[in-house]
N, C-alpha and C. Protein backbone atom coordinates (compact mmCIF):
# COMPACT_ATOMS: atom_id res chain seq x y z
N MET A 1 8.01 -9.73 -13.22
CA MET A 1 7.90 -8.61 -14.16
C MET A 1 9.11 -7.70 -14.00
N THR A 2 9.71 -7.32 -15.11
CA THR A 2 10.86 -6.43 -15.06
C THR A 2 10.53 -5.15 -15.84
N PHE A 3 11.18 -4.06 -15.45
CA PHE A 3 10.96 -2.77 -16.09
C PHE A 3 12.25 -2.35 -16.79
N ASP A 4 12.09 -1.70 -17.95
CA ASP A 4 13.28 -1.22 -18.65
C ASP A 4 13.79 0.06 -18.00
N ALA A 5 14.91 0.55 -18.51
CA ALA A 5 15.56 1.72 -17.91
C ALA A 5 14.66 2.94 -17.93
N ASP A 6 13.88 3.10 -19.00
CA ASP A 6 13.00 4.27 -19.09
C ASP A 6 11.91 4.23 -18.02
N ALA A 7 11.35 3.05 -17.78
CA ALA A 7 10.30 2.91 -16.76
C ALA A 7 10.86 3.15 -15.37
N LEU A 8 12.05 2.62 -15.11
CA LEU A 8 12.68 2.83 -13.81
C LEU A 8 12.99 4.31 -13.59
N GLU A 9 13.42 4.98 -14.66
CA GLU A 9 13.72 6.41 -14.55
C GLU A 9 12.45 7.22 -14.32
N ALA A 10 11.35 6.82 -14.96
CA ALA A 10 10.07 7.50 -14.74
C ALA A 10 9.64 7.37 -13.28
N GLY A 11 9.84 6.19 -12.71
CA GLY A 11 9.52 5.99 -11.30
C GLY A 11 10.40 6.83 -10.40
N ARG A 12 11.69 6.89 -10.72
CA ARG A 12 12.60 7.69 -9.89
C ARG A 12 12.22 9.16 -9.92
N LEU A 13 11.92 9.66 -11.13
CA LEU A 13 11.57 11.07 -11.26
C LEU A 13 10.28 11.41 -10.54
N LEU A 14 9.28 10.53 -10.64
CA LEU A 14 8.02 10.79 -9.96
C LEU A 14 8.22 10.92 -8.46
N PHE A 15 8.97 10.01 -7.87
CA PHE A 15 9.13 10.01 -6.42
C PHE A 15 10.21 10.97 -5.94
N ALA A 16 10.93 11.59 -6.89
CA ALA A 16 11.87 12.64 -6.52
C ALA A 16 11.16 13.99 -6.42
N ARG A 17 9.91 14.04 -6.89
CA ARG A 17 9.15 15.28 -6.84
C ARG A 17 8.72 15.59 -5.40
N GLU A 18 8.19 16.80 -5.22
CA GLU A 18 7.77 17.21 -3.88
C GLU A 18 6.64 16.32 -3.37
N ALA A 19 6.82 15.82 -2.17
CA ALA A 19 5.80 15.01 -1.50
C ALA A 19 5.43 15.69 -0.19
N ALA A 20 4.14 15.81 0.06
CA ALA A 20 3.71 16.52 1.26
C ALA A 20 2.44 15.91 1.82
N PHE A 21 2.32 15.93 3.13
CA PHE A 21 1.09 15.50 3.79
C PHE A 21 -0.03 16.48 3.42
N GLU A 22 -1.16 15.95 3.00
CA GLU A 22 -2.28 16.79 2.61
C GLU A 22 -3.32 16.89 3.72
N ARG A 23 -3.81 15.75 4.19
CA ARG A 23 -4.78 15.77 5.28
C ARG A 23 -5.00 14.37 5.84
N GLY A 24 -5.46 14.34 7.09
CA GLY A 24 -5.94 13.11 7.69
C GLY A 24 -7.45 13.15 7.71
N VAL A 25 -8.08 12.04 7.35
CA VAL A 25 -9.54 12.03 7.19
C VAL A 25 -10.15 10.99 8.12
N ALA A 26 -11.12 11.42 8.92
CA ALA A 26 -11.81 10.51 9.82
C ALA A 26 -13.26 10.29 9.41
N ARG A 27 -13.74 11.05 8.40
CA ARG A 27 -15.12 10.91 7.92
C ARG A 27 -15.11 10.98 6.40
N MET A 28 -15.99 10.22 5.77
CA MET A 28 -16.04 10.20 4.31
C MET A 28 -16.29 11.58 3.72
N GLU A 29 -17.07 12.40 4.40
CA GLU A 29 -17.39 13.72 3.86
C GLU A 29 -16.18 14.66 3.86
N ASP A 30 -15.09 14.28 4.53
CA ASP A 30 -13.90 15.12 4.58
C ASP A 30 -12.84 14.70 3.58
N LEU A 31 -13.16 13.73 2.71
CA LEU A 31 -12.19 13.29 1.70
C LEU A 31 -11.85 14.44 0.76
N PRO A 32 -10.61 14.50 0.27
CA PRO A 32 -10.29 15.51 -0.75
C PRO A 32 -11.02 15.20 -2.05
N ALA A 33 -11.16 16.20 -2.89
CA ALA A 33 -11.81 15.99 -4.18
C ALA A 33 -11.05 14.92 -4.96
N PRO A 34 -11.77 14.04 -5.66
CA PRO A 34 -11.11 12.95 -6.40
C PRO A 34 -10.52 13.44 -7.71
N ASP A 35 -9.58 14.39 -7.63
CA ASP A 35 -9.05 15.04 -8.83
C ASP A 35 -7.68 14.54 -9.24
N LEU A 36 -7.15 13.57 -8.50
CA LEU A 36 -5.86 12.95 -8.85
C LEU A 36 -5.99 11.44 -8.69
N PRO A 37 -5.22 10.67 -9.46
CA PRO A 37 -5.21 9.23 -9.23
C PRO A 37 -4.65 8.93 -7.83
N GLU A 38 -5.20 7.91 -7.19
CA GLU A 38 -4.79 7.58 -5.83
C GLU A 38 -4.33 6.13 -5.73
N VAL A 39 -3.28 5.92 -4.97
CA VAL A 39 -2.77 4.59 -4.67
C VAL A 39 -2.79 4.44 -3.16
N ALA A 40 -3.56 3.46 -2.67
CA ALA A 40 -3.71 3.27 -1.23
C ALA A 40 -2.84 2.12 -0.74
N PHE A 41 -2.28 2.28 0.45
CA PHE A 41 -1.44 1.27 1.07
C PHE A 41 -2.22 0.65 2.23
N ALA A 42 -2.49 -0.64 2.13
CA ALA A 42 -3.25 -1.36 3.14
C ALA A 42 -2.42 -2.52 3.67
N GLY A 43 -2.78 -3.00 4.86
CA GLY A 43 -2.07 -4.15 5.41
C GLY A 43 -2.33 -4.29 6.90
N ARG A 44 -1.87 -5.40 7.44
CA ARG A 44 -2.01 -5.64 8.86
C ARG A 44 -1.26 -4.59 9.67
N SER A 45 -1.69 -4.38 10.90
CA SER A 45 -1.00 -3.45 11.78
C SER A 45 0.47 -3.83 11.90
N ASN A 46 1.32 -2.84 11.80
CA ASN A 46 2.77 -3.00 11.96
C ASN A 46 3.43 -3.73 10.79
N VAL A 47 2.76 -3.79 9.63
CA VAL A 47 3.36 -4.45 8.47
C VAL A 47 4.41 -3.56 7.80
N GLY A 48 4.35 -2.25 8.09
CA GLY A 48 5.35 -1.34 7.54
C GLY A 48 4.84 -0.40 6.48
N LYS A 49 3.55 -0.02 6.53
CA LYS A 49 2.99 0.88 5.53
C LYS A 49 3.68 2.24 5.54
N SER A 50 3.73 2.85 6.71
CA SER A 50 4.32 4.18 6.81
C SER A 50 5.81 4.16 6.45
N SER A 51 6.51 3.14 6.90
CA SER A 51 7.94 3.03 6.59
C SER A 51 8.16 2.90 5.09
N LEU A 52 7.30 2.15 4.41
CA LEU A 52 7.45 1.98 2.97
C LEU A 52 7.16 3.28 2.22
N ILE A 53 6.13 4.01 2.63
CA ILE A 53 5.83 5.30 2.01
C ILE A 53 7.01 6.25 2.18
N ASN A 54 7.58 6.29 3.37
CA ASN A 54 8.75 7.14 3.62
C ASN A 54 9.92 6.74 2.74
N ALA A 55 10.15 5.44 2.61
CA ALA A 55 11.27 4.96 1.81
C ALA A 55 11.06 5.26 0.33
N LEU A 56 9.84 5.08 -0.17
CA LEU A 56 9.56 5.35 -1.58
C LEU A 56 9.82 6.81 -1.93
N THR A 57 9.42 7.71 -1.03
CA THR A 57 9.53 9.14 -1.29
C THR A 57 10.87 9.72 -0.86
N GLY A 58 11.67 8.93 -0.14
CA GLY A 58 12.95 9.42 0.34
C GLY A 58 12.82 10.43 1.46
N ARG A 59 11.66 10.43 2.12
CA ARG A 59 11.44 11.34 3.26
C ARG A 59 11.33 10.50 4.53
N LYS A 60 12.15 10.81 5.51
CA LYS A 60 12.20 9.97 6.71
C LYS A 60 10.95 10.06 7.56
N ALA A 61 10.26 11.18 7.53
CA ALA A 61 9.13 11.36 8.44
C ALA A 61 7.89 11.88 7.73
N LEU A 62 7.74 11.59 6.43
CA LEU A 62 6.53 12.02 5.73
C LEU A 62 5.31 11.35 6.34
N ALA A 63 5.35 10.03 6.44
CA ALA A 63 4.29 9.27 7.11
C ALA A 63 4.80 8.88 8.49
N ARG A 64 3.94 8.98 9.48
CA ARG A 64 4.35 8.67 10.84
C ARG A 64 4.46 7.16 11.03
N ALA A 65 5.68 6.70 11.22
CA ALA A 65 5.89 5.27 11.50
C ALA A 65 5.96 5.08 13.01
N SER A 66 5.43 3.97 13.48
CA SER A 66 5.42 3.71 14.91
C SER A 66 5.58 2.23 15.16
N ALA A 67 6.26 1.91 16.26
CA ALA A 67 6.40 0.50 16.66
C ALA A 67 5.12 -0.01 17.31
N GLU A 68 4.21 0.90 17.63
CA GLU A 68 2.96 0.50 18.27
C GLU A 68 1.93 0.14 17.21
N PRO A 69 1.49 -1.11 17.14
CA PRO A 69 0.48 -1.49 16.15
C PRO A 69 -0.79 -0.67 16.32
N GLY A 70 -1.40 -0.32 15.18
CA GLY A 70 -2.68 0.39 15.23
C GLY A 70 -2.56 1.87 15.46
N ARG A 71 -1.39 2.45 15.21
CA ARG A 71 -1.21 3.88 15.46
C ARG A 71 -1.97 4.74 14.45
N THR A 72 -1.98 4.30 13.18
CA THR A 72 -2.69 5.06 12.15
C THR A 72 -4.19 4.81 12.28
N ARG A 73 -4.95 5.87 12.57
CA ARG A 73 -6.38 5.71 12.82
C ARG A 73 -7.22 6.60 11.91
N GLU A 74 -6.60 7.16 10.89
CA GLU A 74 -7.30 7.95 9.88
C GLU A 74 -6.81 7.51 8.51
N LEU A 75 -7.47 8.00 7.48
CA LEU A 75 -6.94 7.87 6.13
C LEU A 75 -6.01 9.06 5.91
N ASN A 76 -4.73 8.81 5.79
CA ASN A 76 -3.76 9.89 5.63
C ASN A 76 -3.38 10.05 4.17
N PHE A 77 -3.62 11.24 3.63
CA PHE A 77 -3.39 11.52 2.22
C PHE A 77 -2.09 12.31 2.04
N PHE A 78 -1.29 11.87 1.08
CA PHE A 78 -0.04 12.54 0.74
C PHE A 78 -0.07 12.88 -0.75
N ARG A 79 0.28 14.11 -1.06
CA ARG A 79 0.22 14.60 -2.44
C ARG A 79 1.62 14.55 -3.04
N LEU A 80 1.73 13.92 -4.20
CA LEU A 80 3.02 13.79 -4.86
C LEU A 80 3.03 14.72 -6.08
N ASP A 81 3.45 15.97 -5.83
CA ASP A 81 3.65 16.97 -6.87
C ASP A 81 2.45 17.10 -7.83
N ASP A 82 1.27 17.12 -7.29
CA ASP A 82 0.05 17.32 -8.09
C ASP A 82 -0.12 16.30 -9.21
N ARG A 83 0.50 15.13 -9.06
CA ARG A 83 0.34 14.08 -10.08
C ARG A 83 -0.32 12.83 -9.51
N LEU A 84 -0.24 12.66 -8.19
CA LEU A 84 -0.68 11.41 -7.58
C LEU A 84 -0.89 11.63 -6.10
N ARG A 85 -1.84 10.87 -5.54
CA ARG A 85 -1.98 10.83 -4.09
C ARG A 85 -1.62 9.44 -3.58
N LEU A 86 -0.90 9.38 -2.48
CA LEU A 86 -0.66 8.15 -1.75
C LEU A 86 -1.54 8.20 -0.51
N VAL A 87 -2.19 7.09 -0.18
CA VAL A 87 -3.11 7.06 0.95
C VAL A 87 -2.65 5.96 1.92
N ASP A 88 -2.32 6.37 3.13
CA ASP A 88 -1.91 5.44 4.18
C ASP A 88 -3.16 5.07 4.99
N LEU A 89 -3.58 3.81 4.86
CA LEU A 89 -4.80 3.35 5.52
C LEU A 89 -4.51 2.80 6.91
N PRO A 90 -5.50 2.82 7.81
CA PRO A 90 -5.31 2.20 9.12
C PRO A 90 -5.00 0.71 8.97
N GLY A 91 -4.11 0.22 9.82
CA GLY A 91 -3.80 -1.21 9.79
C GLY A 91 -4.96 -2.02 10.34
N TYR A 92 -5.05 -3.25 9.91
CA TYR A 92 -6.11 -4.13 10.41
C TYR A 92 -5.49 -5.33 11.12
N GLY A 93 -6.29 -5.98 11.94
CA GLY A 93 -5.83 -7.20 12.61
C GLY A 93 -5.44 -7.04 14.05
N TYR A 94 -5.03 -5.82 14.44
CA TYR A 94 -4.62 -5.61 15.83
C TYR A 94 -4.54 -4.12 16.09
N ALA A 95 -5.01 -3.70 17.23
CA ALA A 95 -4.85 -2.30 17.62
C ALA A 95 -5.21 -2.16 19.09
N LYS A 96 -4.43 -1.35 19.79
CA LYS A 96 -4.73 -1.03 21.18
C LYS A 96 -5.69 0.16 21.19
N ALA A 97 -6.95 -0.14 21.01
CA ALA A 97 -7.97 0.91 20.96
C ALA A 97 -9.30 0.29 21.34
N PRO A 98 -10.25 1.11 21.81
CA PRO A 98 -11.59 0.58 22.14
C PRO A 98 -12.24 -0.03 20.90
N LYS A 99 -13.10 -1.03 21.12
CA LYS A 99 -13.75 -1.72 20.00
C LYS A 99 -14.56 -0.76 19.13
N GLY A 100 -15.21 0.21 19.75
CA GLY A 100 -15.99 1.17 18.98
C GLY A 100 -15.11 1.99 18.05
N GLU A 101 -13.92 2.37 18.53
CA GLU A 101 -12.99 3.13 17.71
C GLU A 101 -12.48 2.28 16.55
N ILE A 102 -12.17 1.03 16.81
CA ILE A 102 -11.71 0.12 15.76
C ILE A 102 -12.81 -0.05 14.71
N ALA A 103 -14.05 -0.22 15.16
CA ALA A 103 -15.16 -0.39 14.23
C ALA A 103 -15.35 0.86 13.37
N ARG A 104 -15.13 2.04 13.96
CA ARG A 104 -15.30 3.29 13.22
C ARG A 104 -14.31 3.39 12.07
N TRP A 105 -13.01 3.19 12.36
CA TRP A 105 -12.04 3.37 11.29
C TRP A 105 -12.02 2.19 10.32
N THR A 106 -12.44 1.02 10.79
CA THR A 106 -12.58 -0.11 9.87
C THR A 106 -13.69 0.16 8.86
N GLY A 107 -14.81 0.72 9.34
CA GLY A 107 -15.91 1.08 8.45
C GLY A 107 -15.51 2.17 7.48
N LEU A 108 -14.75 3.15 7.97
CA LEU A 108 -14.28 4.24 7.11
C LEU A 108 -13.40 3.68 5.99
N MET A 109 -12.49 2.79 6.34
CA MET A 109 -11.60 2.20 5.34
C MET A 109 -12.39 1.38 4.32
N ARG A 110 -13.38 0.61 4.80
CA ARG A 110 -14.20 -0.20 3.91
C ARG A 110 -14.97 0.68 2.93
N ASP A 111 -15.58 1.75 3.43
CA ASP A 111 -16.35 2.64 2.56
C ASP A 111 -15.45 3.32 1.53
N PHE A 112 -14.26 3.70 1.95
CA PHE A 112 -13.32 4.34 1.03
C PHE A 112 -12.91 3.38 -0.09
N LEU A 113 -12.55 2.17 0.28
CA LEU A 113 -12.09 1.21 -0.71
C LEU A 113 -13.21 0.83 -1.68
N ARG A 114 -14.43 0.82 -1.19
CA ARG A 114 -15.55 0.37 -2.00
C ARG A 114 -16.06 1.45 -2.95
N GLY A 115 -15.91 2.73 -2.59
CA GLY A 115 -16.59 3.76 -3.36
C GLY A 115 -15.74 4.90 -3.88
N ARG A 116 -14.44 4.84 -3.75
CA ARG A 116 -13.59 5.97 -4.16
C ARG A 116 -13.27 5.90 -5.65
N THR A 117 -13.78 6.84 -6.41
CA THR A 117 -13.63 6.79 -7.87
C THR A 117 -12.19 7.04 -8.31
N ALA A 118 -11.42 7.77 -7.54
CA ALA A 118 -10.05 8.11 -7.94
C ALA A 118 -9.05 6.99 -7.62
N LEU A 119 -9.50 5.99 -6.88
CA LEU A 119 -8.59 4.94 -6.43
C LEU A 119 -8.21 4.03 -7.60
N THR A 120 -6.95 4.03 -7.98
CA THR A 120 -6.50 3.24 -9.13
C THR A 120 -5.94 1.89 -8.72
N ARG A 121 -5.39 1.80 -7.51
CA ARG A 121 -4.86 0.53 -7.05
C ARG A 121 -4.67 0.55 -5.54
N VAL A 122 -4.84 -0.62 -4.95
CA VAL A 122 -4.50 -0.82 -3.53
C VAL A 122 -3.21 -1.64 -3.48
N ILE A 123 -2.23 -1.11 -2.79
CA ILE A 123 -1.00 -1.86 -2.53
C ILE A 123 -1.23 -2.60 -1.21
N LEU A 124 -1.37 -3.91 -1.30
CA LEU A 124 -1.67 -4.71 -0.11
C LEU A 124 -0.36 -5.29 0.41
N LEU A 125 0.06 -4.79 1.55
CA LEU A 125 1.36 -5.17 2.11
C LEU A 125 1.24 -6.43 2.97
N ILE A 126 2.17 -7.34 2.74
CA ILE A 126 2.25 -8.59 3.48
C ILE A 126 3.67 -8.74 4.01
N ASP A 127 3.81 -9.02 5.28
CA ASP A 127 5.12 -9.27 5.87
C ASP A 127 5.70 -10.55 5.26
N ALA A 128 6.84 -10.44 4.61
CA ALA A 128 7.44 -11.59 3.91
C ALA A 128 7.73 -12.75 4.86
N ARG A 129 7.93 -12.45 6.13
CA ARG A 129 8.27 -13.51 7.10
C ARG A 129 7.07 -14.33 7.50
N HIS A 130 5.87 -13.75 7.37
CA HIS A 130 4.67 -14.41 7.91
C HIS A 130 3.67 -14.85 6.86
N GLY A 131 3.74 -14.30 5.65
CA GLY A 131 2.81 -14.70 4.60
C GLY A 131 1.39 -14.24 4.87
N LEU A 132 0.47 -14.81 4.13
CA LEU A 132 -0.94 -14.42 4.24
C LEU A 132 -1.56 -14.94 5.53
N LYS A 133 -2.35 -14.09 6.15
CA LYS A 133 -3.12 -14.44 7.35
C LYS A 133 -4.61 -14.39 7.00
N PRO A 134 -5.47 -15.00 7.83
CA PRO A 134 -6.90 -15.01 7.51
C PRO A 134 -7.48 -13.62 7.25
N ASN A 135 -7.06 -12.60 8.00
CA ASN A 135 -7.66 -11.28 7.75
C ASN A 135 -7.13 -10.65 6.47
N ASP A 136 -5.97 -11.10 5.96
CA ASP A 136 -5.53 -10.67 4.63
C ASP A 136 -6.48 -11.25 3.57
N ASP A 137 -6.83 -12.51 3.76
CA ASP A 137 -7.78 -13.15 2.83
C ASP A 137 -9.13 -12.43 2.83
N GLU A 138 -9.57 -12.00 4.02
CA GLU A 138 -10.84 -11.29 4.11
C GLU A 138 -10.79 -9.98 3.34
N VAL A 139 -9.67 -9.26 3.45
CA VAL A 139 -9.53 -8.00 2.72
C VAL A 139 -9.51 -8.26 1.22
N MET A 140 -8.80 -9.28 0.78
CA MET A 140 -8.77 -9.61 -0.64
C MET A 140 -10.15 -10.02 -1.14
N ASP A 141 -10.89 -10.75 -0.32
CA ASP A 141 -12.27 -11.11 -0.70
C ASP A 141 -13.10 -9.85 -0.93
N ALA A 142 -12.97 -8.89 -0.02
CA ALA A 142 -13.74 -7.65 -0.13
C ALA A 142 -13.34 -6.85 -1.37
N LEU A 143 -12.04 -6.80 -1.66
CA LEU A 143 -11.56 -6.06 -2.83
C LEU A 143 -11.99 -6.76 -4.12
N ASP A 144 -11.99 -8.10 -4.10
CA ASP A 144 -12.48 -8.84 -5.27
C ASP A 144 -13.95 -8.52 -5.53
N ARG A 145 -14.75 -8.51 -4.45
CA ARG A 145 -16.18 -8.22 -4.61
C ARG A 145 -16.42 -6.80 -5.13
N ALA A 146 -15.57 -5.87 -4.67
CA ALA A 146 -15.73 -4.47 -5.08
C ALA A 146 -15.05 -4.17 -6.42
N ALA A 147 -14.36 -5.16 -6.98
CA ALA A 147 -13.63 -5.00 -8.25
C ALA A 147 -12.59 -3.88 -8.17
N VAL A 148 -11.91 -3.80 -7.03
CA VAL A 148 -10.83 -2.84 -6.84
C VAL A 148 -9.50 -3.58 -7.04
N VAL A 149 -8.72 -3.13 -8.00
CA VAL A 149 -7.45 -3.80 -8.30
C VAL A 149 -6.49 -3.63 -7.13
N TYR A 150 -5.88 -4.72 -6.72
CA TYR A 150 -4.89 -4.67 -5.63
C TYR A 150 -3.66 -5.47 -6.03
N GLN A 151 -2.54 -5.06 -5.46
CA GLN A 151 -1.26 -5.68 -5.78
C GLN A 151 -0.56 -6.07 -4.48
N ILE A 152 -0.08 -7.30 -4.42
CA ILE A 152 0.63 -7.77 -3.24
C ILE A 152 2.06 -7.24 -3.26
N VAL A 153 2.45 -6.58 -2.19
CA VAL A 153 3.82 -6.12 -2.02
C VAL A 153 4.33 -6.67 -0.69
N LEU A 154 5.39 -7.45 -0.76
CA LEU A 154 5.98 -8.02 0.44
C LEU A 154 6.90 -7.00 1.10
N THR A 155 6.80 -6.89 2.41
CA THR A 155 7.68 -6.00 3.16
C THR A 155 8.70 -6.83 3.95
N LYS A 156 9.74 -6.14 4.41
CA LYS A 156 10.77 -6.75 5.28
C LYS A 156 11.46 -7.94 4.61
N ALA A 157 11.64 -7.81 3.27
CA ALA A 157 12.26 -8.88 2.50
C ALA A 157 13.71 -9.13 2.93
N ASP A 158 14.34 -8.13 3.51
CA ASP A 158 15.73 -8.29 3.94
C ASP A 158 15.88 -9.27 5.10
N LYS A 159 14.78 -9.64 5.73
CA LYS A 159 14.83 -10.55 6.86
C LYS A 159 14.91 -12.02 6.42
N LEU A 160 14.77 -12.27 5.11
CA LEU A 160 14.80 -13.64 4.59
C LEU A 160 16.02 -13.85 3.69
N LYS A 161 16.46 -15.08 3.61
CA LYS A 161 17.48 -15.45 2.63
C LYS A 161 16.84 -15.40 1.24
N SER A 162 17.67 -15.24 0.22
CA SER A 162 17.13 -15.10 -1.14
C SER A 162 16.30 -16.30 -1.57
N SER A 163 16.73 -17.50 -1.18
CA SER A 163 15.96 -18.70 -1.55
C SER A 163 14.62 -18.74 -0.83
N GLU A 164 14.60 -18.30 0.42
CA GLU A 164 13.35 -18.25 1.18
C GLU A 164 12.40 -17.23 0.57
N LEU A 165 12.94 -16.08 0.20
CA LEU A 165 12.12 -15.01 -0.38
C LEU A 165 11.53 -15.46 -1.71
N GLU A 166 12.32 -16.13 -2.52
CA GLU A 166 11.83 -16.63 -3.81
C GLU A 166 10.67 -17.59 -3.61
N ALA A 167 10.77 -18.44 -2.59
CA ALA A 167 9.68 -19.39 -2.30
C ALA A 167 8.42 -18.66 -1.85
N VAL A 168 8.59 -17.60 -1.06
CA VAL A 168 7.43 -16.83 -0.59
C VAL A 168 6.75 -16.14 -1.77
N VAL A 169 7.53 -15.54 -2.66
CA VAL A 169 6.96 -14.87 -3.83
C VAL A 169 6.18 -15.86 -4.69
N THR A 170 6.75 -17.05 -4.91
CA THR A 170 6.08 -18.07 -5.71
C THR A 170 4.77 -18.50 -5.06
N ALA A 171 4.81 -18.71 -3.74
CA ALA A 171 3.60 -19.11 -3.03
C ALA A 171 2.54 -18.02 -3.10
N MET A 172 2.97 -16.78 -3.03
CA MET A 172 2.02 -15.67 -3.09
C MET A 172 1.37 -15.57 -4.46
N GLN A 173 2.16 -15.75 -5.51
CA GLN A 173 1.61 -15.71 -6.86
C GLN A 173 0.60 -16.83 -7.08
N PHE A 174 0.89 -17.99 -6.52
CA PHE A 174 -0.04 -19.11 -6.61
C PHE A 174 -1.34 -18.79 -5.86
N ALA A 175 -1.21 -18.15 -4.69
CA ALA A 175 -2.38 -17.86 -3.86
C ALA A 175 -3.34 -16.87 -4.51
N ILE A 176 -2.81 -15.96 -5.33
CA ILE A 176 -3.67 -14.93 -5.94
C ILE A 176 -4.04 -15.24 -7.39
N ALA A 177 -3.56 -16.35 -7.91
CA ALA A 177 -3.71 -16.64 -9.34
C ALA A 177 -5.15 -16.61 -9.82
N LYS A 178 -6.09 -17.05 -9.00
CA LYS A 178 -7.48 -17.12 -9.42
C LYS A 178 -8.34 -15.99 -8.83
N ARG A 179 -7.70 -15.03 -8.20
CA ARG A 179 -8.46 -13.92 -7.63
C ARG A 179 -8.70 -12.86 -8.72
N PRO A 180 -9.95 -12.48 -8.95
CA PRO A 180 -10.27 -11.64 -10.11
C PRO A 180 -9.69 -10.24 -10.09
N ALA A 181 -9.50 -9.65 -8.90
CA ALA A 181 -9.03 -8.26 -8.86
C ALA A 181 -7.54 -8.14 -8.53
N ALA A 182 -6.86 -9.27 -8.36
CA ALA A 182 -5.44 -9.24 -7.97
C ALA A 182 -4.55 -8.98 -9.18
N HIS A 183 -3.64 -8.04 -9.04
CA HIS A 183 -2.61 -7.80 -10.06
C HIS A 183 -1.63 -8.97 -9.98
N PRO A 184 -1.20 -9.51 -11.12
CA PRO A 184 -0.38 -10.72 -11.08
C PRO A 184 1.06 -10.53 -10.62
N HIS A 185 1.54 -9.29 -10.60
CA HIS A 185 2.94 -9.04 -10.27
C HIS A 185 3.11 -8.81 -8.77
N VAL A 186 3.83 -9.72 -8.10
CA VAL A 186 4.15 -9.58 -6.67
C VAL A 186 5.52 -8.92 -6.55
N VAL A 187 5.61 -7.86 -5.74
CA VAL A 187 6.87 -7.14 -5.56
C VAL A 187 7.37 -7.36 -4.14
N ALA A 188 8.63 -7.76 -4.01
CA ALA A 188 9.25 -7.90 -2.69
C ALA A 188 10.08 -6.66 -2.41
N THR A 189 9.93 -6.09 -1.21
CA THR A 189 10.61 -4.84 -0.88
C THR A 189 11.21 -4.88 0.52
N SER A 190 12.11 -3.93 0.74
CA SER A 190 12.62 -3.68 2.09
C SER A 190 12.80 -2.18 2.24
N ALA A 191 12.05 -1.58 3.15
CA ALA A 191 12.20 -0.15 3.42
C ALA A 191 13.56 0.14 4.04
N GLU A 192 14.14 -0.84 4.70
CA GLU A 192 15.41 -0.66 5.40
C GLU A 192 16.59 -0.64 4.43
N THR A 193 16.60 -1.54 3.45
CA THR A 193 17.74 -1.62 2.53
C THR A 193 17.47 -0.99 1.17
N GLY A 194 16.19 -0.72 0.85
CA GLY A 194 15.84 -0.19 -0.45
C GLY A 194 15.58 -1.24 -1.50
N PHE A 195 15.66 -2.49 -1.12
CA PHE A 195 15.43 -3.59 -2.06
C PHE A 195 14.02 -3.50 -2.65
N GLY A 196 13.92 -3.58 -3.97
CA GLY A 196 12.62 -3.61 -4.65
C GLY A 196 11.94 -2.27 -4.81
N LEU A 197 12.49 -1.20 -4.24
CA LEU A 197 11.80 0.09 -4.31
C LEU A 197 11.78 0.66 -5.72
N GLU A 198 12.86 0.45 -6.48
CA GLU A 198 12.88 0.92 -7.87
C GLU A 198 11.73 0.34 -8.67
N GLN A 199 11.51 -0.97 -8.50
CA GLN A 199 10.45 -1.64 -9.24
C GLN A 199 9.07 -1.13 -8.82
N LEU A 200 8.89 -0.93 -7.52
CA LEU A 200 7.59 -0.46 -7.04
C LEU A 200 7.33 0.97 -7.49
N ARG A 201 8.36 1.81 -7.46
CA ARG A 201 8.19 3.19 -7.97
C ARG A 201 7.79 3.16 -9.44
N ALA A 202 8.44 2.31 -10.23
CA ALA A 202 8.11 2.21 -11.66
C ALA A 202 6.68 1.75 -11.87
N GLU A 203 6.26 0.78 -11.05
CA GLU A 203 4.89 0.26 -11.13
C GLU A 203 3.88 1.36 -10.84
N ILE A 204 4.11 2.13 -9.80
CA ILE A 204 3.18 3.20 -9.42
C ILE A 204 3.20 4.33 -10.45
N ALA A 205 4.38 4.59 -11.02
CA ALA A 205 4.48 5.65 -12.03
C ALA A 205 3.61 5.36 -13.25
N THR A 206 3.43 4.10 -13.60
CA THR A 206 2.56 3.77 -14.73
C THR A 206 1.13 4.16 -14.44
N LEU A 207 0.73 4.15 -13.17
CA LEU A 207 -0.64 4.52 -12.81
C LEU A 207 -0.83 6.04 -12.93
N ALA A 208 0.20 6.80 -12.56
CA ALA A 208 0.13 8.25 -12.69
C ALA A 208 0.07 8.66 -14.16
N GLU A 209 0.84 7.96 -15.00
CA GLU A 209 0.91 8.30 -16.42
C GLU A 209 -0.40 7.93 -17.14
N ALA A 210 -1.06 6.88 -16.66
CA ALA A 210 -2.27 6.41 -17.32
C ALA A 210 -3.48 7.30 -17.02
N ALA A 211 -3.38 8.07 -15.97
CA ALA A 211 -4.54 8.87 -15.53
C ALA A 211 -4.78 10.05 -16.47
């Protein structure tokens, strides 16, 4: 999928607006009012959620990025100039934390994804070098059941040669072709080089405009 100059400019303008941390949420009752469209970023621990949010907004430390898997343990909400919320979800698949703590934030994330009326899309991040893992499939199964639209976004695309990346994108599109809630457009990105960020900004801007 390609975007014209107007769509790319709309994405640039949206993400050039003021972006600020709003709150971290550890309980469903502490969620902000669902008064803005929300785009949530989900993925395995250390897939690069926080780094991608920082790169999209052009802020180096808006979302806390860490080399330690499982650092994000709340739902972190970021407000984009009163037009959109970005939500950084806890990573799944690995975390240095007690099992009870992991179960708590996993349940919180599940309840949020299943019942949040303002949620317009989940950006499901997949490391381009590793492809889909079993727990990615489990998350997609859950989102399909809940009828929550999700879009595959590959991270760390700069680590692959262009031919390798093209093969990964093709394989990913094939893997989601029959999934009912999957958005058909797979976006490859790199927070380090900026590759693909224009397209992803444009994609997200359409969600803000539609609200």
